[in-house]
Amino acid sequence: MDQGTVIDLAQRSIMTVIYVATPMLGLSLIVGLAISIFQATTQIHEQTLTFIPKILAVLLGIAIFGPWMLKVLMEYTQSIYLNINQFIR
């Protein structure tokens, strides 16, 4: 396996991880921002107030985006297994 193949494989792996993680991170960011605005307007400075809504948002995101995330990961894994003979040369 030459350097170009290793770099290409690593790049595809990182892009797949970013692609799959983006919906969960985006939902967590939006919920965290909304709660921060709520805390700033009401002057409630409770540190633990953000945990439950973020956890619920991520669980909802997994329920909504889960099949898509699984499909993306399965396609990536299948492409790795189909091209494994090119990687081991």
N, C-alpha and C. Protein backbone atom coordinates (compact mmCIF):
# COMPACT_ATOMS: atom_id res chain seq x y z
N MET A 1 0.86 -1.17 0.00
CA MET A 1 0.00 0.00 0.00
C MET A 1 0.91 1.23 0.00
N ASP A 2 0.70 2.10 -0.96
CA ASP A 2 1.54 3.29 -1.06
C ASP A 2 0.96 4.44 -0.24
N GLN A 3 1.71 5.52 -0.19
CA GLN A 3 1.32 6.66 0.65
C GLN A 3 0.03 7.31 0.16
N GLY A 4 -0.17 7.38 -1.14
CA GLY A 4 -1.38 7.99 -1.68
C GLY A 4 -2.63 7.25 -1.26
N THR A 5 -2.55 5.93 -1.24
CA THR A 5 -3.70 5.12 -0.84
C THR A 5 -4.00 5.31 0.64
N VAL A 6 -2.97 5.35 1.46
CA VAL A 6 -3.15 5.55 2.90
C VAL A 6 -3.77 6.91 3.17
N ILE A 7 -3.27 7.94 2.50
CA ILE A 7 -3.80 9.28 2.70
C ILE A 7 -5.25 9.37 2.23
N ASP A 8 -5.54 8.76 1.09
CA ASP A 8 -6.92 8.76 0.59
C ASP A 8 -7.86 8.03 1.54
N LEU A 9 -7.42 6.90 2.05
CA LEU A 9 -8.24 6.13 2.99
C LEU A 9 -8.46 6.90 4.28
N ALA A 10 -7.42 7.55 4.79
CA ALA A 10 -7.56 8.34 6.01
C ALA A 10 -8.47 9.54 5.78
N GLN A 11 -8.34 10.17 4.63
CA GLN A 11 -9.20 11.33 4.32
C GLN A 11 -10.66 10.91 4.22
N ARG A 12 -10.93 9.81 3.55
CA ARG A 12 -12.31 9.32 3.45
C ARG A 12 -12.86 8.94 4.81
N SER A 13 -12.02 8.36 5.67
CA SER A 13 -12.46 7.98 7.01
C SER A 13 -12.84 9.20 7.83
N ILE A 14 -11.98 10.21 7.81
CA ILE A 14 -12.24 11.42 8.59
C ILE A 14 -13.48 12.14 8.06
N MET A 15 -13.63 12.21 6.75
CA MET A 15 -14.79 12.88 6.17
C MET A 15 -16.08 12.13 6.51
N THR A 16 -16.03 10.81 6.54
CA THR A 16 -17.21 10.03 6.91
C THR A 16 -17.59 10.27 8.36
N VAL A 17 -16.61 10.34 9.24
CA VAL A 17 -16.88 10.60 10.66
C VAL A 17 -17.49 11.99 10.83
N ILE A 18 -16.93 12.98 10.16
CA ILE A 18 -17.46 14.34 10.24
C ILE A 18 -18.88 14.39 9.68
N TYR A 19 -19.09 13.73 8.55
CA TYR A 19 -20.39 13.71 7.89
C TYR A 19 -21.45 13.08 8.77
N VAL A 20 -21.10 12.03 9.49
CA VAL A 20 -22.06 11.32 10.34
C VAL A 20 -22.29 12.07 11.66
N ALA A 21 -21.26 12.72 12.19
CA ALA A 21 -21.38 13.39 13.49
C ALA A 21 -22.02 14.77 13.41
N THR A 22 -22.05 15.37 12.22
CA THR A 22 -22.53 16.73 12.09
C THR A 22 -23.96 16.95 12.57
N PRO A 23 -24.94 16.10 12.25
CA PRO A 23 -26.30 16.36 12.75
C PRO A 23 -26.40 16.39 14.27
N MET A 24 -25.72 15.48 14.95
CA MET A 24 -25.78 15.45 16.41
C MET A 24 -25.11 16.68 17.01
N LEU A 25 -23.96 17.05 16.48
CA LEU A 25 -23.27 18.23 16.99
C LEU A 25 -24.04 19.50 16.70
N GLY A 26 -24.67 19.56 15.53
CA GLY A 26 -25.47 20.73 15.19
C GLY A 26 -26.68 20.90 16.10
N LEU A 27 -27.38 19.80 16.35
CA LEU A 27 -28.52 19.86 17.26
C LEU A 27 -28.09 20.27 18.67
N SER A 28 -27.00 19.70 19.13
CA SER A 28 -26.50 20.05 20.46
C SER A 28 -26.10 21.52 20.53
N LEU A 29 -25.50 22.01 19.47
CA LEU A 29 -25.10 23.42 19.43
C LEU A 29 -26.31 24.34 19.45
N ILE A 30 -27.33 24.02 18.66
CA ILE A 30 -28.53 24.86 18.60
C ILE A 30 -29.26 24.87 19.95
N VAL A 31 -29.41 23.70 20.56
CA VAL A 31 -30.09 23.62 21.86
C VAL A 31 -29.28 24.35 22.92
N GLY A 32 -27.97 24.19 22.91
CA GLY A 32 -27.13 24.88 23.87
C GLY A 32 -27.20 26.39 23.72
N LEU A 33 -27.24 26.86 22.47
CA LEU A 33 -27.36 28.30 22.23
C LEU A 33 -28.70 28.83 22.71
N ALA A 34 -29.77 28.09 22.43
CA ALA A 34 -31.10 28.52 22.88
C ALA A 34 -31.18 28.58 24.41
N ILE A 35 -30.60 27.60 25.08
CA ILE A 35 -30.64 27.60 26.54
C ILE A 35 -29.74 28.71 27.09
N SER A 36 -28.63 28.98 26.43
CA SER A 36 -27.78 30.09 26.88
C SER A 36 -28.50 31.42 26.76
N ILE A 37 -29.24 31.61 25.68
CA ILE A 37 -30.02 32.84 25.53
C ILE A 37 -31.10 32.91 26.60
N PHE A 38 -31.76 31.78 26.88
CA PHE A 38 -32.77 31.73 27.93
C PHE A 38 -32.16 32.07 29.29
N GLN A 39 -31.00 31.51 29.58
CA GLN A 39 -30.35 31.79 30.85
C GLN A 39 -29.91 33.25 30.96
N ALA A 40 -29.48 33.82 29.85
CA ALA A 40 -29.06 35.22 29.88
C ALA A 40 -30.24 36.16 30.08
N THR A 41 -31.38 35.83 29.49
CA THR A 41 -32.53 36.72 29.63
C THR A 41 -33.19 36.58 31.00
N THR A 42 -33.17 35.39 31.57
CA THR A 42 -33.82 35.20 32.87
C THR A 42 -32.84 35.31 34.03
N GLN A 43 -31.57 35.43 33.75
CA GLN A 43 -30.51 35.52 34.75
C GLN A 43 -30.47 34.31 35.67
N ILE A 44 -30.83 33.17 35.12
CA ILE A 44 -30.67 31.90 35.84
C ILE A 44 -29.33 31.32 35.40
N HIS A 45 -28.41 31.20 36.33
CA HIS A 45 -27.07 30.73 35.97
C HIS A 45 -26.83 29.35 36.55
N GLU A 46 -27.65 28.42 36.18
CA GLU A 46 -27.52 27.05 36.65
C GLU A 46 -26.72 26.27 35.60
N GLN A 47 -25.60 25.69 36.00
CA GLN A 47 -24.73 24.98 35.07
C GLN A 47 -25.36 23.70 34.53
N THR A 48 -26.15 23.03 35.34
CA THR A 48 -26.69 21.73 34.95
C THR A 48 -27.97 21.83 34.12
N LEU A 49 -28.46 23.04 33.89
CA LEU A 49 -29.71 23.22 33.15
C LEU A 49 -29.59 22.78 31.69
N THR A 50 -28.41 22.80 31.13
CA THR A 50 -28.25 22.49 29.71
C THR A 50 -28.14 21.00 29.42
N PHE A 51 -27.84 20.19 30.41
CA PHE A 51 -27.58 18.78 30.14
C PHE A 51 -28.79 18.02 29.62
N ILE A 52 -29.90 18.09 30.31
CA ILE A 52 -31.08 17.31 29.94
C ILE A 52 -31.60 17.69 28.55
N PRO A 53 -31.79 18.98 28.23
CA PRO A 53 -32.26 19.30 26.88
C PRO A 53 -31.29 18.87 25.78
N LYS A 54 -29.98 18.98 26.04
CA LYS A 54 -29.02 18.53 25.03
C LYS A 54 -29.08 17.02 24.84
N ILE A 55 -29.19 16.29 25.92
CA ILE A 55 -29.29 14.83 25.82
C ILE A 55 -30.55 14.44 25.07
N LEU A 56 -31.67 15.09 25.38
CA LEU A 56 -32.92 14.79 24.67
C LEU A 56 -32.83 15.16 23.19
N ALA A 57 -32.17 16.27 22.88
CA ALA A 57 -32.02 16.68 21.48
C ALA A 57 -31.16 15.68 20.72
N VAL A 58 -30.09 15.21 21.34
CA VAL A 58 -29.23 14.23 20.67
C VAL A 58 -29.96 12.91 20.48
N LEU A 59 -30.73 12.48 21.48
CA LEU A 59 -31.52 11.24 21.33
C LEU A 59 -32.57 11.38 20.23
N LEU A 60 -33.21 12.54 20.16
CA LEU A 60 -34.16 12.79 19.08
C LEU A 60 -33.46 12.80 17.73
N GLY A 61 -32.28 13.39 17.69
CA GLY A 61 -31.50 13.40 16.45
C GLY A 61 -31.10 12.00 16.02
N ILE A 62 -30.74 11.16 16.98
CA ILE A 62 -30.39 9.77 16.65
C ILE A 62 -31.61 9.04 16.11
N ALA A 63 -32.77 9.31 16.71
CA ALA A 63 -34.00 8.67 16.23
C ALA A 63 -34.34 9.12 14.81
N ILE A 64 -34.10 10.39 14.51
CA ILE A 64 -34.43 10.92 13.18
C ILE A 64 -33.36 10.56 12.16
N PHE A 65 -32.08 10.84 12.50
CA PHE A 65 -30.99 10.66 11.55
C PHE A 65 -30.32 9.29 11.64
N GLY A 66 -30.73 8.45 12.57
CA GLY A 66 -30.10 7.15 12.76
C GLY A 66 -30.06 6.27 11.52
N PRO A 67 -31.19 6.09 10.82
CA PRO A 67 -31.13 5.25 9.61
C PRO A 67 -30.19 5.81 8.55
N TRP A 68 -30.17 7.12 8.39
CA TRP A 68 -29.26 7.73 7.42
C TRP A 68 -27.80 7.53 7.83
N MET A 69 -27.52 7.73 9.13
CA MET A 69 -26.16 7.54 9.62
C MET A 69 -25.71 6.10 9.45
N LEU A 70 -26.60 5.17 9.73
CA LEU A 70 -26.27 3.76 9.56
C LEU A 70 -26.01 3.43 8.10
N LYS A 71 -26.80 4.01 7.20
CA LYS A 71 -26.60 3.77 5.76
C LYS A 71 -25.25 4.30 5.30
N VAL A 72 -24.88 5.49 5.76
CA VAL A 72 -23.59 6.07 5.37
C VAL A 72 -22.45 5.21 5.88
N LEU A 73 -22.53 4.78 7.13
CA LEU A 73 -21.47 3.94 7.68
C LEU A 73 -21.40 2.57 7.02
N MET A 74 -22.55 2.01 6.67
CA MET A 74 -22.56 0.72 5.99
C MET A 74 -21.97 0.83 4.59
N GLU A 75 -22.29 1.91 3.87
CA GLU A 75 -21.72 2.10 2.53
C GLU A 75 -20.21 2.26 2.60
N TYR A 76 -19.72 3.00 3.59
CA TYR A 76 -18.28 3.17 3.76
C TYR A 76 -17.61 1.83 4.08
N THR A 77 -18.21 1.07 4.99
CA THR A 77 -17.64 -0.23 5.35
C THR A 77 -17.65 -1.18 4.18
N GLN A 78 -18.74 -1.19 3.40
CA GLN A 78 -18.79 -2.04 2.23
C GLN A 78 -17.75 -1.65 1.19
N SER A 79 -17.53 -0.35 1.02
CA SER A 79 -16.50 0.06 0.06
C SER A 79 -15.11 -0.36 0.54
N ILE A 80 -14.88 -0.34 1.84
CA ILE A 80 -13.59 -0.81 2.37
C ILE A 80 -13.43 -2.30 2.10
N TYR A 81 -14.47 -3.08 2.38
CA TYR A 81 -14.38 -4.53 2.18
C TYR A 81 -14.28 -4.90 0.70
N LEU A 82 -14.95 -4.16 -0.17
CA LEU A 82 -14.87 -4.47 -1.59
C LEU A 82 -13.51 -4.13 -2.19
N ASN A 83 -12.83 -3.15 -1.62
CA ASN A 83 -11.53 -2.73 -2.15
C ASN A 83 -10.36 -3.20 -1.30
N ILE A 84 -10.58 -4.16 -0.44
CA ILE A 84 -9.51 -4.59 0.48
C ILE A 84 -8.35 -5.24 -0.28
N ASN A 85 -8.63 -5.88 -1.42
CA ASN A 85 -7.53 -6.50 -2.16
C ASN A 85 -6.59 -5.43 -2.75
N GLN A 86 -7.08 -4.23 -2.99
CA GLN A 86 -6.20 -3.16 -3.46
C GLN A 86 -5.39 -2.56 -2.31
N PHE A 87 -5.91 -2.65 -1.11
CA PHE A 87 -5.21 -2.07 0.04
C PHE A 87 -4.06 -2.95 0.52
N ILE A 88 -4.16 -4.26 0.36
CA ILE A 88 -3.15 -5.15 0.92
C ILE A 88 -2.02 -5.42 -0.04
N ARG A 89 -2.03 -4.87 -1.21
CA ARG A 89 -0.92 -5.08 -2.15
C ARG A 89 0.30 -4.34 -1.74
